[in-house]
C-alpha atoms as a PDB file:
ATOM      1  CA  UNK A   1     -57.286-123.759 143.088  1.00  0.00           C
ATOM      2  CA  UNK A   2     -59.866-126.378 143.850  1.00  0.00           C
ATOM      3  CA  UNK A   3     -62.798-127.055 141.545  1.00  0.00           C
ATOM      4  CA  UNK A   4     -65.935-129.108 142.097  1.00  0.00           C
ATOM      5  CA  UNK A   5     -66.483-131.007 138.858  1.00  0.00           C
ATOM      6  CA  UNK A   6     -69.897-132.580 138.319  1.00  0.00           C
ATOM      7  CA  UNK A   7     -70.176-135.077 135.472  1.00  0.00           C
ATOM      8  CA  UNK A   8     -73.481-135.861 133.752  1.00  0.00           C
ATOM      9  CA  UNK A   9     -73.539-138.650 131.162  1.00  0.00           C
ATOM     10  CA  UNK A  10     -75.253-138.258 127.800  1.00  0.00           C
ATOM     11  CA  UNK A  11     -78.096-140.768 127.754  1.00  0.00           C
ATOM     12  CA  UNK A  12     -78.121-141.024 123.957  1.00  0.00           C
ATOM     13  CA  UNK A  13     -74.577-142.343 123.524  1.00  0.00           C
ATOM     14  CA  UNK A  14     -73.129-145.199 125.522  1.00  0.00           C
ATOM     15  CA  UNK A  15     -69.347-145.486 125.845  1.00  0.00           C
ATOM     16  CA  UNK A  16     -67.657-148.776 125.085  1.00  0.00           C
ATOM     17  CA  UNK A  17     -66.335-151.025 127.816  1.00  0.00           C
ATOM     18  CA  UNK A  18     -62.807-150.025 126.764  1.00  0.00           C
ATOM     19  CA  UNK A  19     -63.643-146.333 127.353  1.00  0.00           C
ATOM     20  CA  UNK A  20     -65.064-147.172 130.797  1.00  0.00           C
ATOM     21  CA  UNK A  21     -61.926-149.139 131.692  1.00  0.00           C
ATOM     22  CA  UNK A  22     -59.720-146.269 130.474  1.00  0.00           C
ATOM     23  CA  UNK A  23     -61.843-143.827 132.493  1.00  0.00           C
ATOM     24  CA  UNK A  24     -61.397-145.895 135.647  1.00  0.00           C
ATOM     25  CA  UNK A  25     -57.612-145.872 135.161  1.00  0.00           C
ATOM     26  CA  UNK A  26     -57.670-142.129 134.413  1.00  0.00           C
ATOM     27  CA  UNK A  27     -59.597-141.349 137.613  1.00  0.00           C
ATOM     28  CA  UNK A  28     -57.320-143.579 139.704  1.00  0.00           C
ATOM     29  CA  UNK A  29     -54.228-141.890 138.246  1.00  0.00           C
ATOM     30  CA  UNK A  30     -55.604-138.381 138.903  1.00  0.00           C
ATOM     31  CA  UNK A  31     -56.255-139.275 142.544  1.00  0.00           C
ATOM     32  CA  UNK A  32     -52.836-140.934 142.866  1.00  0.00           C
ATOM     33  CA  UNK A  33     -50.979-137.898 141.500  1.00  0.00           C
ATOM     34  CA  UNK A  34     -53.103-135.477 143.594  1.00  0.00           C
ATOM     35  CA  UNK A  35     -54.689-133.812 140.548  1.00  0.00           C
ATOM     36  CA  UNK A  36     -57.972-134.905 142.145  1.00  0.00           C
ATOM     37  CA  UNK A  37     -58.727-135.100 145.855  1.00  0.00           C
ATOM     38  CA  UNK A  38     -61.639-137.494 145.434  1.00  0.00           C
ATOM     39  CA  UNK A  39     -64.235-138.846 143.025  1.00  0.00           C
ATOM     40  CA  UNK A  40     -67.700-140.194 143.760  1.00  0.00           C
ATOM     41  CA  UNK A  41     -70.476-141.644 141.612  1.00  0.00           C
ATOM     42  CA  UNK A  42     -74.137-140.707 141.847  1.00  0.00           C
ATOM     43  CA  UNK A  43     -76.566-143.591 142.216  1.00  0.00           C
ATOM     44  CA  UNK A  44     -78.467-142.242 139.198  1.00  0.00           C
ATOM     45  CA  UNK A  45     -75.365-142.006 136.985  1.00  0.00           C
ATOM     46  CA  UNK A  46     -72.554-139.530 136.594  1.00  0.00           C
ATOM     47  CA  UNK A  47     -70.553-138.301 139.517  1.00  0.00           C
ATOM     48  CA  UNK A  48     -68.556-135.592 141.193  1.00  0.00           C
ATOM     49  CA  UNK A  49     -64.937-134.933 142.048  1.00  0.00           C
ATOM     50  CA  UNK A  50     -62.736-132.261 143.518  1.00  0.00           C
ATOM     51  CA  UNK A  51     -59.861-131.343 141.215  1.00  0.00           C
ATOM     52  CA  UNK A  52     -56.774-129.221 141.773  1.00  0.00           C
ATOM     53  CA  UNK A  53     -55.533-126.939 139.004  1.00  0.00           C
ATOM     54  CA  UNK A  54     -53.643-123.655 138.753  1.00  0.00           C
ATOM     55  CA  UNK A  55     -56.312-122.104 136.546  1.00  0.00           C
ATOM     56  CA  UNK A  56     -59.537-122.837 134.677  1.00  0.00           C
ATOM     57  CA  UNK A  57     -57.434-123.277 131.518  1.00  0.00           C
ATOM     58  CA  UNK A  58     -55.344-125.954 133.203  1.00  0.00           C
ATOM     59  CA  UNK A  59     -58.483-127.720 134.444  1.00  0.00           C
ATOM     60  CA  UNK A  60     -59.892-127.682 130.919  1.00  0.00           C
ATOM     61  CA  UNK A  61     -56.736-129.404 129.629  1.00  0.00           C
ATOM     62  CA  UNK A  62     -57.064-132.017 132.377  1.00  0.00           C
ATOM     63  CA  UNK A  63     -60.718-132.701 131.598  1.00  0.00           C
ATOM     64  CA  UNK A  64     -60.093-132.869 127.844  1.00  0.00           C
ATOM     65  CA  UNK A  65     -57.861-135.871 128.551  1.00  0.00           C
ATOM     66  CA  UNK A  66     -60.728-137.791 130.224  1.00  0.00           C
ATOM     67  CA  UNK A  67     -61.373-140.850 128.032  1.00  0.00           C
ATOM     68  CA  UNK A  68     -65.167-140.515 128.312  1.00  0.00           C
ATOM     69  CA  UNK A  69     -65.092-136.767 127.493  1.00  0.00           C
ATOM     70  CA  UNK A  70     -67.291-137.149 124.376  1.00  0.00           C
ATOM     71  CA  UNK A  71     -69.964-138.946 126.406  1.00  0.00           C
ATOM     72  CA  UNK A  72     -70.409-136.496 129.309  1.00  0.00           C
ATOM     73  CA  UNK A  73     -71.111-132.890 130.222  1.00  0.00           C
ATOM     74  CA  UNK A  74     -69.130-131.118 132.926  1.00  0.00           C
ATOM     75  CA  UNK A  75     -70.357-128.513 135.398  1.00  0.00           C
ATOM     76  CA  UNK A  76     -67.473-126.746 137.115  1.00  0.00           C
ATOM     77  CA  UNK A  77     -67.669-124.696 140.303  1.00  0.00           C
ATOM     78  CA  UNK A  78     -64.553-123.005 141.722  1.00  0.00           C
ATOM     79  CA  UNK A  79     -64.136-123.595 145.455  1.00  0.00           C
ATOM     80  CA  UNK A  80     -62.669-121.405 148.174  1.00  0.00           C
ATOM     81  CA  UNK A  81     -61.627-121.968 151.764  1.00  0.00           C
ATOM     82  CA  UNK A  82     -64.694-122.023 154.032  1.00  0.00           C
ATOM     83  CA  UNK A  83     -63.028-120.136 156.908  1.00  0.00           C
ATOM     84  CA  UNK A  84     -61.928-117.336 154.591  1.00  0.00           C
ATOM     85  CA  UNK A  85     -65.358-117.184 152.943  1.00  0.00           C
ATOM     86  CA  UNK A  86     -67.164-116.959 156.283  1.00  0.00           C
ATOM     87  CA  UNK A  87     -64.782-114.239 157.497  1.00  0.00           C
ATOM     88  CA  UNK A  88     -65.615-112.240 154.374  1.00  0.00           C
ATOM     89  CA  UNK A  89     -69.331-112.699 155.050  1.00  0.00           C
ATOM     90  CA  UNK A  90     -68.838-111.522 158.637  1.00  0.00           C
ATOM     91  CA  UNK A  91     -67.024-108.396 157.402  1.00  0.00           C
ATOM     92  CA  UNK A  92     -69.781-107.698 154.890  1.00  0.00           C
ATOM     93  CA  UNK A  93     -72.465-108.030 157.593  1.00  0.00           C
ATOM     94  CA  UNK A  94     -70.515-105.769 159.929  1.00  0.00           C
ATOM     95  CA  UNK A  95     -70.222-103.121 157.205  1.00  0.00           C
ATOM     96  CA  UNK A  96     -73.925-103.406 156.371  1.00  0.00           C
ATOM     97  CA  UNK A  97     -75.102-103.197 159.988  1.00  0.00           C
ATOM     98  CA  UNK A  98     -72.760-100.381 161.055  1.00  0.00           C
ATOM     99  CA  UNK A  99     -74.000 -97.919 158.423  1.00  0.00           C
END
């Protein structure tokens, strides 16, 4: 499964430089081992990434290992294939308009 993970930093606590450096290495390793497809930062702080995990429980374990975990909040949205989703919408519209 793919998950869109949005990260919002806590403004009250600032991580140390060591935590930031560890977080950079963590993100690079997750992209290298294909746990994450990509990661981007927002200009205003925080960021977003697309992660791969077998289940929400597995994703939670992955995110708990993020070095800056205590300094951020996560918003997680499961993703699905766009072609499959649009086919389902088409079928739903056809059912609704044929009644």
